[in-house]
Amino acid sequence: MISKSLKILLLITSLVFTTGFAPIIAFVGPATTIITSGNIYKASAQLIIDQSIKKKTGKNSLTLVKEEIEKKEAEKNLQKELRLLVEKRIKITRQKLDFEKINQ
């Protein structure tokens, strides 16, 4: 058991020092998926999708999703502020207009 763990540790250490740190980090997510679920197909799909997103956008999938969520939240806040502004202007306009004179 100890020799198996030692071999795995030696393999991981050699991969880190021979390939650099960046490629190893890219495999951490799929490796975690393989370890936790045992589903190699899911991990492969995750790796392929993440690499294609990075190739198209230059960002990893987590950063891309985070930015999209922030953009949607900013749009919601903008729409809410616009609605409040319009409602305020409508109230001011109604106060300026005297509907009783118009209805007579």
PDB file of N, CA and C in Angstrom:
ATOM      1  N   MET A   1       0.823  -1.183   0.000  1.00  0.00           N
ATOM      2  CA  MET A   1       0.000   0.000   0.000  1.00  0.00           C
ATOM      3  C   MET A   1       0.870   1.251   0.000  1.00  0.00           C
ATOM      4  N   ILE A   2       1.912   1.249   0.822  1.00  0.00           N
ATOM      5  CA  ILE A   2       2.805   2.405   0.900  1.00  0.00           C
ATOM      6  C   ILE A   2       3.588   2.546  -0.398  1.00  0.00           C
ATOM      7  N   SER A   3       3.993   1.444  -0.987  1.00  0.00           N
ATOM      8  CA  SER A   3       4.762   1.529  -2.232  1.00  0.00           C
ATOM      9  C   SER A   3       3.891   2.042  -3.381  1.00  0.00           C
ATOM     10  N   LYS A   4       2.613   1.699  -3.368  1.00  0.00           N
ATOM     11  CA  LYS A   4       1.701   2.189  -4.395  1.00  0.00           C
ATOM     12  C   LYS A   4       1.516   3.695  -4.264  1.00  0.00           C
ATOM     13  N   SER A   5       1.333   4.164  -3.040  1.00  0.00           N
ATOM     14  CA  SER A   5       1.207   5.608  -2.800  1.00  0.00           C
ATOM     15  C   SER A   5       2.490   6.323  -3.167  1.00  0.00           C
ATOM     16  N   LEU A   6       3.631   5.725  -2.863  1.00  0.00           N
ATOM     17  CA  LEU A   6       4.919   6.322  -3.197  1.00  0.00           C
ATOM     18  C   LEU A   6       5.106   6.423  -4.704  1.00  0.00           C
ATOM     19  N   LYS A   7       4.682   5.386  -5.426  1.00  0.00           N
ATOM     20  CA  LYS A   7       4.777   5.409  -6.884  1.00  0.00           C
ATOM     21  C   LYS A   7       3.894   6.515  -7.479  1.00  0.00           C
ATOM     22  N   ILE A   8       2.675   6.647  -6.962  1.00  0.00           N
ATOM     23  CA  ILE A   8       1.757   7.687  -7.449  1.00  0.00           C
ATOM     24  C   ILE A   8       2.323   9.066  -7.162  1.00  0.00           C
ATOM     25  N   LEU A   9       2.845   9.253  -5.954  1.00  0.00           N
ATOM     26  CA  LEU A   9       3.449  10.537  -5.591  1.00  0.00           C
ATOM     27  C   LEU A   9       4.653  10.844  -6.461  1.00  0.00           C
ATOM     28  N   LEU A  10       5.492   9.849  -6.721  1.00  0.00           N
ATOM     29  CA  LEU A  10       6.658  10.033  -7.585  1.00  0.00           C
ATOM     30  C   LEU A  10       6.233  10.373  -9.011  1.00  0.00           C
ATOM     31  N   LEU A  11       5.205   9.731  -9.522  1.00  0.00           N
ATOM     32  CA  LEU A  11       4.696  10.002 -10.866  1.00  0.00           C
ATOM     33  C   LEU A  11       4.150  11.426 -10.969  1.00  0.00           C
ATOM     34  N   ILE A  12       3.365  11.832  -9.994  1.00  0.00           N
ATOM     35  CA  ILE A  12       2.808  13.191  -9.998  1.00  0.00           C
ATOM     36  C   ILE A  12       3.916  14.229  -9.901  1.00  0.00           C
ATOM     37  N   THR A  13       4.891  13.988  -9.025  1.00  0.00           N
ATOM     38  CA  THR A  13       6.005  14.927  -8.871  1.00  0.00           C
ATOM     39  C   THR A  13       6.806  15.038 -10.153  1.00  0.00           C
ATOM     40  N   SER A  14       7.070  13.919 -10.804  1.00  0.00           N
ATOM     41  CA  SER A  14       7.833  13.972 -12.052  1.00  0.00           C
ATOM     42  C   SER A  14       7.047  14.685 -13.151  1.00  0.00           C
ATOM     43  N   LEU A  15       5.740  14.489 -13.196  1.00  0.00           N
ATOM     44  CA  LEU A  15       4.928  15.197 -14.186  1.00  0.00           C
ATOM     45  C   LEU A  15       4.938  16.701 -13.947  1.00  0.00           C
ATOM     46  N   VAL A  16       4.896  17.109 -12.683  1.00  0.00           N
ATOM     47  CA  VAL A  16       4.902  18.532 -12.357  1.00  0.00           C
ATOM     48  C   VAL A  16       6.198  19.172 -12.817  1.00  0.00           C
ATOM     49  N   PHE A  17       7.323  18.530 -12.534  1.00  0.00           N
ATOM     50  CA  PHE A  17       8.604  19.145 -12.864  1.00  0.00           C
ATOM     51  C   PHE A  17       8.989  19.008 -14.336  1.00  0.00           C
ATOM     52  N   THR A  18       8.448  18.029 -15.039  1.00  0.00           N
ATOM     53  CA  THR A  18       8.796  17.885 -16.460  1.00  0.00           C
ATOM     54  C   THR A  18       7.868  18.655 -17.390  1.00  0.00           C
ATOM     55  N   THR A  19       6.645  18.881 -16.979  1.00  0.00           N
ATOM     56  CA  THR A  19       5.700  19.564 -17.872  1.00  0.00           C
ATOM     57  C   THR A  19       5.392  20.982 -17.439  1.00  0.00           C
ATOM     58  N   GLY A  20       5.751  21.380 -16.260  1.00  0.00           N
ATOM     59  CA  GLY A  20       5.402  22.709 -15.764  1.00  0.00           C
ATOM     60  C   GLY A  20       4.126  22.634 -14.965  1.00  0.00           C
ATOM     61  N   PHE A  21       3.783  23.716 -14.299  1.00  0.00           N
ATOM     62  CA  PHE A  21       2.641  23.696 -13.401  1.00  0.00           C
ATOM     63  C   PHE A  21       1.314  23.949 -14.110  1.00  0.00           C
ATOM     64  N   ALA A  22       1.290  24.759 -15.163  1.00  0.00           N
ATOM     65  CA  ALA A  22       0.026  25.132 -15.810  1.00  0.00           C
ATOM     66  C   ALA A  22      -0.732  23.936 -16.384  1.00  0.00           C
ATOM     67  N   PRO A  23      -0.090  23.037 -17.133  1.00  0.00           N
ATOM     68  CA  PRO A  23      -0.866  21.902 -17.654  1.00  0.00           C
ATOM     69  C   PRO A  23      -1.423  20.992 -16.565  1.00  0.00           C
ATOM     70  N   ILE A  24      -0.725  20.880 -15.463  1.00  0.00           N
ATOM     71  CA  ILE A  24      -1.206  20.021 -14.384  1.00  0.00           C
ATOM     72  C   ILE A  24      -2.489  20.593 -13.783  1.00  0.00           C
ATOM     73  N   ILE A  25      -2.535  21.906 -13.638  1.00  0.00           N
ATOM     74  CA  ILE A  25      -3.715  22.540 -13.071  1.00  0.00           C
ATOM     75  C   ILE A  25      -4.935  22.292 -13.954  1.00  0.00           C
ATOM     76  N   ALA A  26      -4.732  22.236 -15.271  1.00  0.00           N
ATOM     77  CA  ALA A  26      -5.837  21.992 -16.191  1.00  0.00           C
ATOM     78  C   ALA A  26      -6.417  20.586 -16.027  1.00  0.00           C
ATOM     79  N   PHE A  27      -5.640  19.668 -15.494  1.00  0.00           N
ATOM     80  CA  PHE A  27      -6.111  18.299 -15.325  1.00  0.00           C
ATOM     81  C   PHE A  27      -6.669  18.020 -13.932  1.00  0.00           C
ATOM     82  N   VAL A  28      -6.592  18.997 -13.054  1.00  0.00           N
ATOM     83  CA  VAL A  28      -7.074  18.779 -11.687  1.00  0.00           C
ATOM     84  C   VAL A  28      -8.588  18.559 -11.662  1.00  0.00           C
ATOM     85  N   GLY A  29      -9.347  19.376 -12.407  1.00  0.00           N
ATOM     86  CA  GLY A  29     -10.799  19.235 -12.438  1.00  0.00           C
ATOM     87  C   GLY A  29     -11.254  17.883 -12.954  1.00  0.00           C
ATOM     88  N   PRO A  30     -10.809  17.479 -14.152  1.00  0.00           N
ATOM     89  CA  PRO A  30     -11.195  16.153 -14.646  1.00  0.00           C
ATOM     90  C   PRO A  30     -10.692  15.005 -13.764  1.00  0.00           C
ATOM     91  N   ALA A  31      -9.509  15.174 -13.189  1.00  0.00           N
ATOM     92  CA  ALA A  31      -9.003  14.122 -12.306  1.00  0.00           C
ATOM     93  C   ALA A  31      -9.885  13.986 -11.072  1.00  0.00           C
ATOM     94  N   THR A  32     -10.347  15.104 -10.555  1.00  0.00           N
ATOM     95  CA  THR A  32     -11.253  15.075  -9.415  1.00  0.00           C
ATOM     96  C   THR A  32     -12.562  14.391  -9.789  1.00  0.00           C
ATOM     97  N   THR A  33     -13.040  14.666 -11.002  1.00  0.00           N
ATOM     98  CA  THR A  33     -14.275  14.021 -11.460  1.00  0.00           C
ATOM     99  C   THR A  33     -14.097  12.512 -11.572  1.00  0.00           C
ATOM    100  N   ILE A  34     -12.956  12.091 -12.078  1.00  0.00           N
ATOM    101  CA  ILE A  34     -12.698  10.651 -12.209  1.00  0.00           C
ATOM    102  C   ILE A  34     -12.628  10.003 -10.831  1.00  0.00           C
ATOM    103  N   ILE A  35     -11.955  10.679  -9.912  1.00  0.00           N
ATOM    104  CA  ILE A  35     -11.795  10.097  -8.578  1.00  0.00           C
ATOM    105  C   ILE A  35     -13.131  10.028  -7.840  1.00  0.00           C
ATOM    106  N   THR A  36     -13.918  11.099  -7.896  1.00  0.00           N
ATOM    107  CA  THR A  36     -15.157  11.126  -7.112  1.00  0.00           C
ATOM    108  C   THR A  36     -16.270  10.297  -7.739  1.00  0.00           C
ATOM    109  N   SER A  37     -16.407  10.368  -9.064  1.00  0.00           N
ATOM    110  CA  SER A  37     -17.528   9.660  -9.676  1.00  0.00           C
ATOM    111  C   SER A  37     -17.118   8.378 -10.387  1.00  0.00           C
ATOM    112  N   GLY A  38     -15.869   8.279 -10.768  1.00  0.00           N
ATOM    113  CA  GLY A  38     -15.416   7.106 -11.500  1.00  0.00           C
ATOM    114  C   GLY A  38     -15.843   7.121 -12.953  1.00  0.00           C
ATOM    115  N   ASN A  39     -16.380   8.243 -13.424  1.00  0.00           N
ATOM    116  CA  ASN A  39     -16.879   8.338 -14.783  1.00  0.00           C
ATOM    117  C   ASN A  39     -15.832   9.002 -15.669  1.00  0.00           C
ATOM    118  N   ILE A  40     -15.138   8.205 -16.446  1.00  0.00           N
ATOM    119  CA  ILE A  40     -14.070   8.728 -17.315  1.00  0.00           C
ATOM    120  C   ILE A  40     -14.656   9.524 -18.471  1.00  0.00           C
ATOM    121  N   TYR A  41     -15.808   9.131 -18.972  1.00  0.00           N
ATOM    122  CA  TYR A  41     -16.429   9.848 -20.083  1.00  0.00           C
ATOM    123  C   TYR A  41     -16.805  11.276 -19.679  1.00  0.00           C
ATOM    124  N   LYS A  42     -17.361  11.404 -18.491  1.00  0.00           N
ATOM    125  CA  LYS A  42     -17.739  12.721 -17.986  1.00  0.00           C
ATOM    126  C   LYS A  42     -16.506  13.599 -17.813  1.00  0.00           C
ATOM    127  N   ALA A  43     -15.440  13.037 -17.283  1.00  0.00           N
ATOM    128  CA  ALA A  43     -14.204  13.799 -17.084  1.00  0.00           C
ATOM    129  C   ALA A  43     -13.587  14.201 -18.420  1.00  0.00           C
ATOM    130  N   SER A  44     -13.638  13.313 -19.403  1.00  0.00           N
ATOM    131  CA  SER A  44     -13.101  13.630 -20.734  1.00  0.00           C
ATOM    132  C   SER A  44     -13.904  14.744 -21.390  1.00  0.00           C
ATOM    133  N   ALA A  45     -15.220  14.658 -21.279  1.00  0.00           N
ATOM    134  CA  ALA A  45     -16.068  15.708 -21.840  1.00  0.00           C
ATOM    135  C   ALA A  45     -15.800  17.043 -21.156  1.00  0.00           C
ATOM    136  N   GLN A  46     -15.624  17.010 -19.845  1.00  0.00           N
ATOM    137  CA  GLN A  46     -15.331  18.232 -19.092  1.00  0.00           C
ATOM    138  C   GLN A  46     -14.027  18.855 -19.577  1.00  0.00           C
ATOM    139  N   LEU A  47     -13.001  18.052 -19.775  1.00  0.00           N
ATOM    140  CA  LEU A  47     -11.707  18.544 -20.240  1.00  0.00           C
ATOM    141  C   LEU A  47     -11.806  19.112 -21.651  1.00  0.00           C
ATOM    142  N   ILE A  48     -12.490  18.428 -22.536  1.00  0.00           N
ATOM    143  CA  ILE A  48     -12.620  18.884 -23.924  1.00  0.00           C
ATOM    144  C   ILE A  48     -13.409  20.187 -23.989  1.00  0.00           C
ATOM    145  N   ILE A  49     -14.494  20.272 -23.264  1.00  0.00           N
ATOM    146  CA  ILE A  49     -15.305  21.493 -23.263  1.00  0.00           C
ATOM    147  C   ILE A  49     -14.523  22.659 -22.682  1.00  0.00           C
ATOM    148  N   ASP A  50     -13.809  22.419 -21.586  1.00  0.00           N
ATOM    149  CA  ASP A  50     -13.023  23.485 -20.965  1.00  0.00           C
ATOM    150  C   ASP A  50     -11.927  23.981 -21.909  1.00  0.00           C
ATOM    151  N   GLN A  51     -11.286  23.072 -22.607  1.00  0.00           N
ATOM    152  CA  GLN A  51     -10.237  23.481 -23.552  1.00  0.00           C
ATOM    153  C   GLN A  51     -10.808  24.233 -24.742  1.00  0.00           C
ATOM    154  N   SER A  52     -11.972  23.831 -25.242  1.00  0.00           N
ATOM    155  CA  SER A  52     -12.565  24.543 -26.377  1.00  0.00           C
ATOM    156  C   SER A  52     -13.028  25.939 -25.966  1.00  0.00           C
ATOM    157  N   ILE A  53     -13.561  26.084 -24.748  1.00  0.00           N
ATOM    158  CA  ILE A  53     -13.949  27.410 -24.257  1.00  0.00           C
ATOM    159  C   ILE A  53     -12.721  28.295 -24.116  1.00  0.00           C
ATOM    160  N   LYS A  54     -11.645  27.729 -23.587  1.00  0.00           N
ATOM    161  CA  LYS A  54     -10.413  28.505 -23.416  1.00  0.00           C
ATOM    162  C   LYS A  54      -9.847  28.910 -24.767  1.00  0.00           C
ATOM    163  N   LYS A  55      -9.959  28.045 -25.768  1.00  0.00           N
ATOM    164  CA  LYS A  55      -9.441  28.367 -27.097  1.00  0.00           C
ATOM    165  C   LYS A  55     -10.253  29.485 -27.746  1.00  0.00           C
ATOM    166  N   LYS A  56     -11.585  29.462 -27.573  1.00  0.00           N
ATOM    167  CA  LYS A  56     -12.449  30.473 -28.194  1.00  0.00           C
ATOM    168  C   LYS A  56     -12.407  31.807 -27.468  1.00  0.00           C
ATOM    169  N   THR A  57     -12.416  31.783 -26.133  1.00  0.00           N
ATOM    170  CA  THR A  57     -12.532  33.024 -25.373  1.00  0.00           C
ATOM    171  C   THR A  57     -11.245  33.465 -24.696  1.00  0.00           C
ATOM    172  N   GLY A  58     -10.319  32.566 -24.510  1.00  0.00           N
ATOM    173  CA  GLY A  58      -9.097  32.896 -23.797  1.00  0.00           C
ATOM    174  C   GLY A  58      -9.269  32.828 -22.288  1.00  0.00           C
ATOM    175  N   LYS A  59     -10.440  32.405 -21.831  1.00  0.00           N
ATOM    176  CA  LYS A  59     -10.733  32.306 -20.399  1.00  0.00           C
ATOM    177  C   LYS A  59     -11.144  30.877 -20.086  1.00  0.00           C
ATOM    178  N   ASN A  60     -10.918  30.491 -18.835  1.00  0.00           N
ATOM    179  CA  ASN A  60     -11.407  29.161 -18.473  1.00  0.00           C
ATOM    180  C   ASN A  60     -12.908  29.224 -18.222  1.00  0.00           C
ATOM    181  N   SER A  61     -13.528  28.086 -18.115  1.00  0.00           N
ATOM    182  CA  SER A  61     -14.991  28.041 -18.038  1.00  0.00           C
ATOM    183  C   SER A  61     -15.522  28.694 -16.760  1.00  0.00           C
ATOM    184  N   LEU A  62     -14.819  28.560 -15.658  1.00  0.00           N
ATOM    185  CA  LEU A  62     -15.269  29.156 -14.407  1.00  0.00           C
ATOM    186  C   LEU A  62     -15.276  30.680 -14.495  1.00  0.00           C
ATOM    187  N   THR A  63     -14.219  31.255 -15.052  1.00  0.00           N
ATOM    188  CA  THR A  63     -14.150  32.711 -15.208  1.00  0.00           C
ATOM    189  C   THR A  63     -15.226  33.200 -16.166  1.00  0.00           C
ATOM    190  N   LEU A  64     -15.451  32.473 -17.248  1.00  0.00           N
ATOM    191  CA  LEU A  64     -16.462  32.857 -18.220  1.00  0.00           C
ATOM    192  C   LEU A  64     -17.857  32.857 -17.602  1.00  0.00           C
ATOM    193  N   VAL A  65     -18.180  31.823 -16.860  1.00  0.00           N
ATOM    194  CA  VAL A  65     -19.491  31.736 -16.213  1.00  0.00           C
ATOM    195  C   VAL A  65     -19.645  32.848 -15.179  1.00  0.00           C
ATOM    196  N   LYS A  66     -18.596  33.110 -14.414  1.00  0.00           N
ATOM    197  CA  LYS A  66     -18.644  34.166 -13.402  1.00  0.00           C
ATOM    198  C   LYS A  66     -18.901  35.526 -14.046  1.00  0.00           C
ATOM    199  N   GLU A  67     -18.206  35.814 -15.146  1.00  0.00           N
ATOM    200  CA  GLU A  67     -18.403  37.091 -15.836  1.00  0.00           C
ATOM    201  C   GLU A  67     -19.802  37.212 -16.425  1.00  0.00           C
ATOM    202  N   GLU A  68     -20.340  36.123 -16.955  1.00  0.00           N
ATOM    203  CA  GLU A  68     -21.693  36.157 -17.512  1.00  0.00           C
ATOM    204  C   GLU A  68     -22.726  36.407 -16.406  1.00  0.00           C
ATOM    205  N   ILE A  69     -22.535  35.796 -15.257  1.00  0.00           N
ATOM    206  CA  ILE A  69     -23.457  36.014 -14.144  1.00  0.00           C
ATOM    207  C   ILE A  69     -23.383  37.461 -13.676  1.00  0.00           C
ATOM    208  N   GLU A  70     -22.168  38.000 -13.581  1.00  0.00           N
ATOM    209  CA  GLU A  70     -22.012  39.397 -13.172  1.00  0.00           C
ATOM    210  C   GLU A  70     -22.652  40.336 -14.193  1.00  0.00           C
ATOM    211  N   LYS A  71     -22.540  40.004 -15.477  1.00  0.00           N
ATOM    212  CA  LYS A  71     -23.133  40.831 -16.522  1.00  0.00           C
ATOM    213  C   LYS A  71     -24.657  40.821 -16.416  1.00  0.00           C
ATOM    214  N   LYS A  72     -25.230  39.639 -16.174  1.00  0.00           N
ATOM    215  CA  LYS A  72     -26.687  39.536 -16.019  1.00  0.00           C
ATOM    216  C   LYS A  72     -27.162  40.319 -14.794  1.00  0.00           C
ATOM    217  N   GLU A  73     -26.414  40.231 -13.707  1.00  0.00           N
ATOM    218  CA  GLU A  73     -26.775  40.973 -12.501  1.00  0.00           C
ATOM    219  C   GLU A  73     -26.708  42.474 -12.749  1.00  0.00           C
ATOM    220  N   ALA A  74     -25.696  42.920 -13.491  1.00  0.00           N
ATOM    221  CA  ALA A  74     -25.576  44.348 -13.806  1.00  0.00           C
ATOM    222  C   ALA A  74     -26.750  44.806 -14.668  1.00  0.00           C
ATOM    223  N   GLU A  75     -27.171  43.965 -15.627  1.00  0.00           N
ATOM    224  CA  GLU A  75     -28.318  44.302 -16.473  1.00  0.00           C
ATOM    225  C   GLU A  75     -29.596  44.389 -15.637  1.00  0.00           C
ATOM    226  N   LYS A  76     -29.760  43.460 -14.694  1.00  0.00           N
ATOM    227  CA  LYS A  76     -30.946  43.497 -13.832  1.00  0.00           C
ATOM    228  C   LYS A  76     -30.958  44.767 -12.989  1.00  0.00           C
ATOM    229  N   ASN A  77     -29.798  45.119 -12.445  1.00  0.00           N
ATOM    230  CA  ASN A  77     -29.721  46.338 -11.634  1.00  0.00           C
ATOM    231  C   ASN A  77     -30.006  47.571 -12.478  1.00  0.00           C
ATOM    232  N   LEU A  78     -29.505  47.581 -13.717  1.00  0.00           N
ATOM    233  CA  LEU A  78     -29.746  48.706 -14.610  1.00  0.00           C
ATOM    234  C   LEU A  78     -31.233  48.823 -14.935  1.00  0.00           C
ATOM    235  N   GLN A  79     -31.878  47.708 -15.214  1.00  0.00           N
ATOM    236  CA  GLN A  79     -33.308  47.722 -15.512  1.00  0.00           C
ATOM    237  C   GLN A  79     -34.113  48.175 -14.292  1.00  0.00           C
ATOM    238  N   LYS A  80     -33.701  47.739 -13.111  1.00  0.00           N
ATOM    239  CA  LYS A  80     -34.401  48.137 -11.892  1.00  0.00           C
ATOM    240  C   LYS A  80     -34.256  49.637 -11.659  1.00  0.00           C
ATOM    241  N   GLU A  81     -33.045  50.161 -11.852  1.00  0.00           N
ATOM    242  CA  GLU A  81     -32.815  51.601 -11.687  1.00  0.00           C
ATOM    243  C   GLU A  81     -33.604  52.405 -12.718  1.00  0.00           C
ATOM    244  N   LEU A  82     -33.647  51.921 -13.955  1.00  0.00           N
ATOM    245  CA  LEU A  82     -34.395  52.601 -15.005  1.00  0.00           C
ATOM    246  C   LEU A  82     -35.884  52.624 -14.671  1.00  0.00           C
ATOM    247  N   ARG A  83     -36.412  51.486 -14.203  1.00  0.00           N
ATOM    248  CA  ARG A  83     -37.826  51.413 -13.844  1.00  0.00           C
ATOM    249  C   ARG A  83     -38.146  52.393 -12.715  1.00  0.00           C
ATOM    250  N   LEU A  84     -37.279  52.445 -11.701  1.00  0.00           N
ATOM    251  CA  LEU A  84     -37.500  53.374 -10.595  1.00  0.00           C
ATOM    252  C   LEU A  84     -37.463  54.827 -11.071  1.00  0.00           C
ATOM    253  N   LEU A  85     -36.560  55.133 -11.976  1.00  0.00           N
ATOM    254  CA  LEU A  85     -36.465  56.484 -12.516  1.00  0.00           C
ATOM    255  C   LEU A  85     -37.727  56.867 -13.285  1.00  0.00           C
ATOM    256  N   VAL A  86     -38.210  55.936 -14.121  1.00  0.00           N
ATOM    257  CA  VAL A  86     -39.430  56.198 -14.896  1.00  0.00           C
ATOM    258  C   VAL A  86     -40.628  56.372 -13.959  1.00  0.00           C
ATOM    259  N   GLU A  87     -40.753  55.515 -12.955  1.00  0.00           N
ATOM    260  CA  GLU A  87     -41.857  55.644 -12.008  1.00  0.00           C
ATOM    261  C   GLU A  87     -41.791  56.980 -11.276  1.00  0.00           C
ATOM    262  N   LYS A  88     -40.604  57.414 -10.915  1.00  0.00           N
ATOM    263  CA  LYS A  88     -40.445  58.700 -10.245  1.00  0.00           C
ATOM    264  C   LYS A  88     -40.880  59.842 -11.160  1.00  0.00           C
ATOM    265  N   ARG A  89     -40.487  59.773 -12.427  1.00  0.00           N
ATOM    266  CA  ARG A  89     -40.870  60.813 -13.386  1.00  0.00           C
ATOM    267  C   ARG A  89     -42.374  60.829 -13.629  1.00  0.00           C
ATOM    268  N   ILE A  90     -42.993  59.659 -13.650  1.00  0.00           N
ATOM    269  CA  ILE A  90     -44.443  59.586 -13.843  1.00  0.00           C
ATOM    270  C   ILE A  90     -45.150  60.240 -12.653  1.00  0.00           C
ATOM    271  N   LYS A  91     -44.692  59.975 -11.446  1.00  0.00           N
ATOM    272  CA  LYS A  91     -45.289  60.589 -10.263  1.00  0.00           C
ATOM    273  C   LYS A  91     -45.147  62.110 -10.289  1.00  0.00           C
ATOM    274  N   ILE A  92     -43.965  62.592 -10.681  1.00  0.00           N
ATOM    275  CA  ILE A  92     -43.743  64.038 -10.764  1.00  0.00           C
ATOM    276  C   ILE A  92     -44.655  64.664 -11.807  1.00  0.00           C
ATOM    277  N   THR A  93     -44.784  64.003 -12.957  1.00  0.00           N
ATOM    278  CA  THR A  93     -45.643  64.519 -14.027  1.00  0.00           C
ATOM    279  C   THR A  93     -47.105  64.533 -13.588  1.00  0.00           C
ATOM    280  N   ARG A  94     -47.563  63.491 -12.900  1.00  0.00           N
ATOM    281  CA  ARG A  94     -48.946  63.447 -12.419  1.00  0.00           C
ATOM    282  C   ARG A  94     -49.210  64.546 -11.398  1.00  0.00           C
ATOM    283  N   GLN A  95     -48.210  64.843 -10.585  1.00  0.00           N
ATOM    284  CA  GLN A  95     -48.379  65.924  -9.616  1.00  0.00           C
ATOM    285  C   GLN A  95     -48.489  67.272 -10.309  1.00  0.00           C
ATOM    286  N   LYS A  96     -47.740  67.438 -11.388  1.00  0.00           N
ATOM    287  CA  LYS A  96     -47.776  68.701 -12.117  1.00  0.00           C
ATOM    288  C   LYS A  96     -49.087  68.866 -12.872  1.00  0.00           C
ATOM    289  N   LEU A  97     -49.605  67.771 -13.388  1.00  0.00           N
ATOM    290  CA  LEU A  97     -50.889  67.827 -14.094  1.00  0.00           C
ATOM    291  C   LEU A  97     -52.019  67.813 -13.072  1.00  0.00           C
ATOM    292  N   ASP A  98     -52.988  68.589 -13.328  1.00  0.00           N
ATOM    293  CA  ASP A  98     -54.147  68.599 -12.436  1.00  0.00           C
ATOM    294  C   ASP A  98     -55.261  67.864 -13.171  1.00  0.00           C
ATOM    295  N   PHE A  99     -55.437  66.577 -12.854  1.00  0.00           N
ATOM    296  CA  PHE A  99     -56.417  65.757 -13.556  1.00  0.00           C
ATOM    297  C   PHE A  99     -57.850  66.227 -13.339  1.00  0.00           C
ATOM    298  N   GLU A 100     -58.101  66.910 -12.274  1.00  0.00           N
ATOM    299  CA  GLU A 100     -59.454  67.392 -12.028  1.00  0.00           C
ATOM    300  C   GLU A 100     -59.850  68.439 -13.059  1.00  0.00           C
ATOM    301  N   LYS A 101     -58.931  69.292 -13.475  1.00  0.00           N
ATOM    302  CA  LYS A 101     -59.229  70.292 -14.502  1.00  0.00           C
ATOM    303  C   LYS A 101     -59.436  69.621 -15.853  1.00  0.00           C
ATOM    304  N   ILE A 102     -58.701  68.581 -16.121  1.00  0.00           N
ATOM    305  CA  ILE A 102     -58.805  67.899 -17.414  1.00  0.00           C
ATOM    306  C   ILE A 102     -60.112  67.137 -17.498  1.00  0.00           C
ATOM    307  N   ASN A 103     -60.559  66.499 -16.414  1.00  0.00           N
ATOM    308  CA  ASN A 103     -61.763  65.678 -16.397  1.00  0.00           C
ATOM    309  C   ASN A 103     -63.060  66.516 -16.402  1.00  0.00           C
ATOM    310  N   GLN A 104     -63.013  67.788 -16.119  1.00  0.00           N
ATOM    311  CA  GLN A 104     -64.226  68.599 -16.062  1.00  0.00           C
ATOM    312  C   GLN A 104     -64.707  68.980 -17.394  1.00  0.00           C
TER     313      GLN A 104
END
